[in-house]
Every structure is written in structure tokens, then in C-alpha cells.
């Protein structure tokens, strides 16, 4: 396996992870559930922003993992 294939596989994994966390963040924000993390509460407003950020990262990693053509070296 060369470095380009490893990069594509990492992007494929990250696209799935970002998609799930975006959905979970939006779900929790929709039902106004604050999430305690290390003694801090993530408010529903913060979870909405986090969901949009993770969805943008999902689109980026989906593009690099699945859509973009691999260059022949």
C-alpha cells in the first residue's frame, strides 16, 4: 500500500466518523440536551455549531476519500 491509498482510507474512515458525530450533535441540540464533558456542559447552541463544523469536515473528507481521482505517479 502506498501513501495515497493510506490517505484515502483514513479519509474514508473520518468521513463516517464526522457524519455520525454531526448527526448526534444535531439530535442532542434538537432535544435541548446538554452534554457533560470533563465537568463542562456542552450547550445545545454549541452542539449545533459543532454539528455544522463536523458536517463540513465530513464533506471534505468524503471528497478526498471517495470522489477525488487518484493521481498516477
PDB file of N, CA and C in Angstrom:
ATOM      1  N   UNK A   1       0.842  -1.192   0.000  1.00  0.00           N
ATOM      2  CA  UNK A   1       0.000   0.000   0.000  1.00  0.00           C
ATOM      3  C   UNK A   1       0.873   1.236   0.000  1.00  0.00           C
ATOM      4  N   UNK A   2       0.558   2.151  -0.887  1.00  0.00           N
ATOM      5  CA  UNK A   2       1.341   3.386  -0.907  1.00  0.00           C
ATOM      6  C   UNK A   2       0.667   4.454  -0.049  1.00  0.00           C
ATOM      7  N   UNK A   3       1.318   5.587   0.057  1.00  0.00           N
ATOM      8  CA  UNK A   3       0.835   6.653   0.944  1.00  0.00           C
ATOM      9  C   UNK A   3      -0.500   7.221   0.496  1.00  0.00           C
ATOM     10  N   UNK A   4      -0.757   7.274  -0.822  1.00  0.00           N
ATOM     11  CA  UNK A   4      -2.025   7.806  -1.310  1.00  0.00           C
ATOM     12  C   UNK A   4      -3.189   6.909  -0.913  1.00  0.00           C
ATOM     13  N   UNK A   5      -2.991   5.593  -0.978  1.00  0.00           N
ATOM     14  CA  UNK A   5      -4.052   4.671  -0.583  1.00  0.00           C
ATOM     15  C   UNK A   5      -4.332   4.761   0.914  1.00  0.00           C
ATOM     16  N   UNK A   6      -3.287   4.915   1.715  1.00  0.00           N
ATOM     17  CA  UNK A   6      -3.466   5.056   3.160  1.00  0.00           C
ATOM     18  C   UNK A   6      -4.226   6.342   3.454  1.00  0.00           C
ATOM     19  N   UNK A   7      -3.868   7.452   2.778  1.00  0.00           N
ATOM     20  CA  UNK A   7      -4.557   8.727   2.960  1.00  0.00           C
ATOM     21  C   UNK A   7      -6.034   8.595   2.591  1.00  0.00           C
ATOM     22  N   UNK A   8      -6.336   7.911   1.489  1.00  0.00           N
ATOM     23  CA  UNK A   8      -7.733   7.720   1.081  1.00  0.00           C
ATOM     24  C   UNK A   8      -8.488   6.900   2.111  1.00  0.00           C
ATOM     25  N   UNK A   9      -7.880   5.853   2.632  1.00  0.00           N
ATOM     26  CA  UNK A   9      -8.548   5.020   3.631  1.00  0.00           C
ATOM     27  C   UNK A   9      -8.805   5.794   4.921  1.00  0.00           C
ATOM     28  N   UNK A  10      -7.859   6.623   5.321  1.00  0.00           N
ATOM     29  CA  UNK A  10      -8.061   7.451   6.515  1.00  0.00           C
ATOM     30  C   UNK A  10      -9.201   8.434   6.281  1.00  0.00           C
ATOM     31  N   UNK A  11      -9.251   9.029   5.106  1.00  0.00           N
ATOM     32  CA  UNK A  11     -10.342   9.961   4.788  1.00  0.00           C
ATOM     33  C   UNK A  11     -11.690   9.253   4.751  1.00  0.00           C
ATOM     34  N   UNK A  12     -11.724   8.016   4.267  1.00  0.00           N
ATOM     35  CA  UNK A  12     -12.976   7.254   4.262  1.00  0.00           C
ATOM     36  C   UNK A  12     -13.452   6.995   5.691  1.00  0.00           C
ATOM     37  N   UNK A  13     -12.530   6.627   6.560  1.00  0.00           N
ATOM     38  CA  UNK A  13     -12.886   6.393   7.960  1.00  0.00           C
ATOM     39  C   UNK A  13     -13.375   7.681   8.612  1.00  0.00           C
ATOM     40  N   UNK A  14     -12.641   8.773   8.400  1.00  0.00           N
ATOM     41  CA  UNK A  14     -13.010  10.050   9.014  1.00  0.00           C
ATOM     42  C   UNK A  14     -14.346  10.565   8.493  1.00  0.00           C
ATOM     43  N   UNK A  15     -14.656  10.312   7.228  1.00  0.00           N
ATOM     44  CA  UNK A  15     -15.940  10.774   6.706  1.00  0.00           C
ATOM     45  C   UNK A  15     -17.094  10.111   7.448  1.00  0.00           C
ATOM     46  N   UNK A  16     -16.978   8.832   7.738  1.00  0.00           N
ATOM     47  CA  UNK A  16     -18.016   8.149   8.508  1.00  0.00           C
ATOM     48  C   UNK A  16     -18.094   8.655   9.934  1.00  0.00           C
ATOM     49  N   UNK A  17     -16.952   8.882  10.542  1.00  0.00           N
ATOM     50  CA  UNK A  17     -16.939   9.356  11.923  1.00  0.00           C
ATOM     51  C   UNK A  17     -17.524  10.762  12.026  1.00  0.00           C
ATOM     52  N   UNK A  18     -17.159  11.655  11.102  1.00  0.00           N
ATOM     53  CA  UNK A  18     -17.703  13.016  11.133  1.00  0.00           C
ATOM     54  C   UNK A  18     -19.193  13.035  10.843  1.00  0.00           C
ATOM     55  N   UNK A  19     -19.659  12.144   9.966  1.00  0.00           N
ATOM     56  CA  UNK A  19     -21.088  12.085   9.661  1.00  0.00           C
ATOM     57  C   UNK A  19     -21.888  11.687  10.898  1.00  0.00           C
ATOM     58  N   UNK A  20     -21.396  10.702  11.627  1.00  0.00           N
ATOM     59  CA  UNK A  20     -22.092  10.235  12.825  1.00  0.00           C
ATOM     60  C   UNK A  20     -22.087  11.301  13.915  1.00  0.00           C
ATOM     61  N   UNK A  21     -20.958  11.932  14.143  1.00  0.00           N
ATOM     62  CA  UNK A  21     -20.902  12.947  15.204  1.00  0.00           C
ATOM     63  C   UNK A  21     -21.724  14.189  14.849  1.00  0.00           C
ATOM     64  N   UNK A  22     -21.809  14.527  13.563  1.00  0.00           N
ATOM     65  CA  UNK A  22     -22.667  15.648  13.166  1.00  0.00           C
ATOM     66  C   UNK A  22     -24.121  15.315  13.451  1.00  0.00           C
ATOM     67  N   UNK A  23     -24.542  14.112  13.091  1.00  0.00           N
ATOM     68  CA  UNK A  23     -25.917  13.703  13.350  1.00  0.00           C
ATOM     69  C   UNK A  23     -26.234  13.633  14.832  1.00  0.00           C
ATOM     70  N   UNK A  24     -25.317  13.102  15.614  1.00  0.00           N
ATOM     71  CA  UNK A  24     -25.537  13.002  17.054  1.00  0.00           C
ATOM     72  C   UNK A  24     -25.595  14.386  17.698  1.00  0.00           C
ATOM     73  N   UNK A  25     -24.746  15.295  17.245  1.00  0.00           N
ATOM     74  CA  UNK A  25     -24.755  16.655  17.794  1.00  0.00           C
ATOM     75  C   UNK A  25     -26.063  17.361  17.477  1.00  0.00           C
ATOM     76  N   UNK A  26     -26.538  17.227  16.243  1.00  0.00           N
ATOM     77  CA  UNK A  26     -27.804  17.858  15.866  1.00  0.00           C
ATOM     78  C   UNK A  26     -28.979  17.233  16.612  1.00  0.00           C
ATOM     79  N   UNK A  27     -28.943  15.932  16.816  1.00  0.00           N
ATOM     80  CA  UNK A  27     -30.011  15.249  17.549  1.00  0.00           C
ATOM     81  C   UNK A  27     -30.090  15.769  18.992  1.00  0.00           C
ATOM     82  N   UNK A  28     -28.951  15.843  19.645  1.00  0.00           N
ATOM     83  CA  UNK A  28     -28.928  16.325  21.025  1.00  0.00           C
ATOM     84  C   UNK A  28     -29.324  17.791  21.106  1.00  0.00           C
ATOM     85  N   UNK A  29     -28.908  18.591  20.135  1.00  0.00           N
ATOM     86  CA  UNK A  29     -29.278  20.005  20.132  1.00  0.00           C
ATOM     87  C   UNK A  29     -30.776  20.172  19.885  1.00  0.00           C
ATOM     88  N   UNK A  30     -31.349  19.343  19.037  1.00  0.00           N
ATOM     89  CA  UNK A  30     -32.782  19.433  18.723  1.00  0.00           C
ATOM     90  C   UNK A  30     -33.631  19.183  19.970  1.00  0.00           C
ATOM     91  N   UNK A  31     -33.212  18.239  20.797  1.00  0.00           N
ATOM     92  CA  UNK A  31     -33.952  17.909  22.013  1.00  0.00           C
ATOM     93  C   UNK A  31     -33.455  18.678  23.248  1.00  0.00           C
ATOM     94  N   UNK A  32     -32.625  19.707  23.044  1.00  0.00           N
ATOM     95  CA  UNK A  32     -32.110  20.571  24.116  1.00  0.00           C
ATOM     96  C   UNK A  32     -31.458  19.791  25.254  1.00  0.00           C
ATOM     97  N   UNK A  33     -30.570  18.897  24.892  1.00  0.00           N
ATOM     98  CA  UNK A  33     -29.845  18.099  25.870  1.00  0.00           C
ATOM     99  C   UNK A  33     -28.419  18.633  25.967  1.00  0.00           C
ATOM    100  N   UNK A  34     -28.013  19.040  27.161  1.00  0.00           N
ATOM    101  CA  UNK A  34     -26.637  19.473  27.392  1.00  0.00           C
ATOM    102  C   UNK A  34     -25.788  18.238  27.706  1.00  0.00           C
ATOM    103  N   UNK A  35     -24.602  18.196  27.147  1.00  0.00           N
ATOM    104  CA  UNK A  35     -23.726  17.035  27.302  1.00  0.00           C
ATOM    105  C   UNK A  35     -22.580  17.398  28.235  1.00  0.00           C
ATOM    106  N   UNK A  36     -22.459  16.714  29.375  1.00  0.00           N
ATOM    107  CA  UNK A  36     -21.335  16.995  30.274  1.00  0.00           C
ATOM    108  C   UNK A  36     -20.059  16.300  29.779  1.00  0.00           C
ATOM    109  N   UNK A  37     -19.014  17.085  29.601  1.00  0.00           N
ATOM    110  CA  UNK A  37     -17.726  16.547  29.164  1.00  0.00           C
ATOM    111  C   UNK A  37     -16.662  17.116  30.086  1.00  0.00           C
ATOM    112  N   UNK A  38     -16.057  16.271  30.868  1.00  0.00           N
ATOM    113  CA  UNK A  38     -14.994  16.659  31.793  1.00  0.00           C
ATOM    114  C   UNK A  38     -15.399  17.832  32.686  1.00  0.00           C
ATOM    115  N   UNK A  39     -16.602  17.784  33.205  1.00  0.00           N
ATOM    116  CA  UNK A  39     -17.074  18.812  34.109  1.00  0.00           C
ATOM    117  C   UNK A  39     -17.649  20.040  33.427  1.00  0.00           C
ATOM    118  N   UNK A  40     -17.562  20.108  32.115  1.00  0.00           N
ATOM    119  CA  UNK A  40     -18.133  21.219  31.356  1.00  0.00           C
ATOM    120  C   UNK A  40     -19.398  20.741  30.666  1.00  0.00           C
ATOM    121  N   UNK A  41     -20.362  21.622  30.509  1.00  0.00           N
ATOM    122  CA  UNK A  41     -21.579  21.276  29.787  1.00  0.00           C
ATOM    123  C   UNK A  41     -21.545  21.867  28.392  1.00  0.00           C
ATOM    124  N   UNK A  42     -21.695  21.014  27.387  1.00  0.00           N
ATOM    125  CA  UNK A  42     -21.832  21.491  26.016  1.00  0.00           C
ATOM    126  C   UNK A  42     -23.286  21.851  25.817  1.00  0.00           C
ATOM    127  N   UNK A  43     -23.556  23.127  25.634  1.00  0.00           N
ATOM    128  CA  UNK A  43     -24.927  23.597  25.490  1.00  0.00           C
ATOM    129  C   UNK A  43     -25.479  23.196  24.126  1.00  0.00           C
ATOM    130  N   UNK A  44     -26.803  23.185  23.988  1.00  0.00           N
ATOM    131  CA  UNK A  44     -27.394  22.867  22.679  1.00  0.00           C
ATOM    132  C   UNK A  44     -26.951  23.823  21.573  1.00  0.00           C
ATOM    133  N   UNK A  45     -26.728  25.092  21.900  1.00  0.00           N
ATOM    134  CA  UNK A  45     -26.227  26.032  20.892  1.00  0.00           C
ATOM    135  C   UNK A  45     -24.847  25.646  20.404  1.00  0.00           C
ATOM    136  N   UNK A  46     -23.983  25.242  21.326  1.00  0.00           N
ATOM    137  CA  UNK A  46     -22.641  24.788  20.952  1.00  0.00           C
ATOM    138  C   UNK A  46     -22.725  23.509  20.123  1.00  0.00           C
ATOM    139  N   UNK A  47     -23.656  22.622  20.468  1.00  0.00           N
ATOM    140  CA  UNK A  47     -23.797  21.372  19.724  1.00  0.00           C
ATOM    141  C   UNK A  47     -24.260  21.616  18.288  1.00  0.00           C
ATOM    142  N   UNK A  48     -25.081  22.651  18.068  1.00  0.00           N
ATOM    143  CA  UNK A  48     -25.489  22.989  16.698  1.00  0.00           C
ATOM    144  C   UNK A  48     -24.285  23.417  15.877  1.00  0.00           C
ATOM    145  N   UNK A  49     -23.460  24.281  16.459  1.00  0.00           N
ATOM    146  CA  UNK A  49     -22.266  24.748  15.756  1.00  0.00           C
ATOM    147  C   UNK A  49     -21.315  23.580  15.503  1.00  0.00           C
ATOM    148  N   UNK A  50     -21.163  22.719  16.499  1.00  0.00           N
ATOM    149  CA  UNK A  50     -20.297  21.546  16.359  1.00  0.00           C
ATOM    150  C   UNK A  50     -20.813  20.626  15.261  1.00  0.00           C
ATOM    151  N   UNK A  51     -22.140  20.491  15.166  1.00  0.00           N
ATOM    152  CA  UNK A  51     -22.727  19.667  14.118  1.00  0.00           C
ATOM    153  C   UNK A  51     -22.422  20.214  12.729  1.00  0.00           C
ATOM    154  N   UNK A  52     -22.540  21.544  12.558  1.00  0.00           N
ATOM    155  CA  UNK A  52     -22.220  22.137  11.265  1.00  0.00           C
ATOM    156  C   UNK A  52     -20.738  21.990  10.932  1.00  0.00           C
ATOM    157  N   UNK A  53     -19.877  22.177  11.917  1.00  0.00           N
ATOM    158  CA  UNK A  53     -18.446  22.014  11.692  1.00  0.00           C
ATOM    159  C   UNK A  53     -18.112  20.574  11.291  1.00  0.00           C
ATOM    160  N   UNK A  54     -18.682  19.611  11.989  1.00  0.00           N
ATOM    161  CA  UNK A  54     -18.399  18.218  11.669  1.00  0.00           C
ATOM    162  C   UNK A  54     -19.003  17.822  10.327  1.00  0.00           C
ATOM    163  N   UNK A  55     -20.134  18.437   9.956  1.00  0.00           N
ATOM    164  CA  UNK A  55     -20.703  18.139   8.639  1.00  0.00           C
ATOM    165  C   UNK A  55     -19.802  18.692   7.532  1.00  0.00           C
ATOM    166  N   UNK A  56     -19.228  19.871   7.748  1.00  0.00           N
ATOM    167  CA  UNK A  56     -18.281  20.429   6.776  1.00  0.00           C
ATOM    168  C   UNK A  56     -17.042  19.541   6.660  1.00  0.00           C
ATOM    169  N   UNK A  57     -16.554  19.047   7.796  1.00  0.00           N
ATOM    170  CA  UNK A  57     -15.401  18.137   7.769  1.00  0.00           C
ATOM    171  C   UNK A  57     -15.766  16.806   7.115  1.00  0.00           C
ATOM    172  N   UNK A  58     -17.018  16.364   7.288  1.00  0.00           N
ATOM    173  CA  UNK A  58     -17.495  15.164   6.605  1.00  0.00           C
ATOM    174  C   UNK A  58     -17.441  15.363   5.090  1.00  0.00           C
ATOM    175  N   UNK A  59     -17.939  16.491   4.602  1.00  0.00           N
ATOM    176  CA  UNK A  59     -17.933  16.736   3.157  1.00  0.00           C
ATOM    177  C   UNK A  59     -16.508  16.769   2.611  1.00  0.00           C
ATOM    178  N   UNK A  60     -15.616  17.402   3.346  1.00  0.00           N
ATOM    179  CA  UNK A  60     -14.223  17.490   2.920  1.00  0.00           C
ATOM    180  C   UNK A  60     -13.562  16.107   2.876  1.00  0.00           C
ATOM    181  N   UNK A  61     -13.714  15.345   3.939  1.00  0.00           N
ATOM    182  CA  UNK A  61     -13.086  14.021   3.968  1.00  0.00           C
ATOM    183  C   UNK A  61     -13.781  13.049   3.011  1.00  0.00           C
ATOM    184  N   UNK A  62     -15.083  13.220   2.778  1.00  0.00           N
ATOM    185  CA  UNK A  62     -15.788  12.381   1.799  1.00  0.00           C
ATOM    186  C   UNK A  62     -15.243  12.638   0.398  1.00  0.00           C
ATOM    187  N   UNK A  63     -14.995  13.904   0.096  1.00  0.00           N
ATOM    188  CA  UNK A  63     -14.440  14.250  -1.208  1.00  0.00           C
ATOM    189  C   UNK A  63     -13.067  13.607  -1.418  1.00  0.00           C
ATOM    190  N   UNK A  64     -12.177  13.772  -0.430  1.00  0.00           N
ATOM    191  CA  UNK A  64     -10.837  13.223  -0.580  1.00  0.00           C
ATOM    192  C   UNK A  64     -10.810  11.695  -0.503  1.00  0.00           C
ATOM    193  N   UNK A  65     -11.765  11.095   0.191  1.00  0.00           N
ATOM    194  CA  UNK A  65     -11.764   9.648   0.326  1.00  0.00           C
ATOM    195  C   UNK A  65     -12.445   8.910  -0.800  1.00  0.00           C
ATOM    196  N   UNK A  66     -13.516   9.484  -1.368  1.00  0.00           N
ATOM    197  CA  UNK A  66     -14.315   8.751  -2.339  1.00  0.00           C
ATOM    198  C   UNK A  66     -14.370   9.390  -3.725  1.00  0.00           C
ATOM    199  N   UNK A  67     -14.447  10.707  -3.811  1.00  0.00           N
ATOM    200  CA  UNK A  67     -14.739  11.355  -5.088  1.00  0.00           C
ATOM    201  C   UNK A  67     -13.487  11.702  -5.880  1.00  0.00           C
ATOM    202  N   UNK A  68     -12.502  12.271  -5.211  1.00  0.00           N
ATOM    203  CA  UNK A  68     -11.296  12.743  -5.894  1.00  0.00           C
ATOM    204  C   UNK A  68     -10.550  11.568  -6.536  1.00  0.00           C
ATOM    205  N   UNK A  69     -10.163  11.760  -7.790  1.00  0.00           N
ATOM    206  CA  UNK A  69      -9.413  10.723  -8.506  1.00  0.00           C
ATOM    207  C   UNK A  69      -7.972  10.696  -8.034  1.00  0.00           C
ATOM    208  N   UNK A  70      -7.420   9.502  -7.998  1.00  0.00           N
ATOM    209  CA  UNK A  70      -6.042   9.326  -7.557  1.00  0.00           C
ATOM    210  C   UNK A  70      -5.094   9.630  -8.709  1.00  0.00           C
ATOM    211  N   UNK A  71      -4.043  10.380  -8.433  1.00  0.00           N
ATOM    212  CA  UNK A  71      -3.058  10.699  -9.464  1.00  0.00           C
ATOM    213  C   UNK A  71      -2.096   9.535  -9.639  1.00  0.00           C
ATOM    214  N   UNK A  72      -1.817   9.198 -10.898  1.00  0.00           N
ATOM    215  CA  UNK A  72      -0.831   8.148 -11.176  1.00  0.00           C
ATOM    216  C   UNK A  72       0.552   8.771 -11.174  1.00  0.00           C
ATOM    217  N   UNK A  73       1.434   8.174 -10.389  1.00  0.00           N
ATOM    218  CA  UNK A  73       2.811   8.691 -10.310  1.00  0.00           C
ATOM    219  C   UNK A  73       3.727   7.784 -11.079  1.00  0.00           C
TER     220      UNK A  73
END
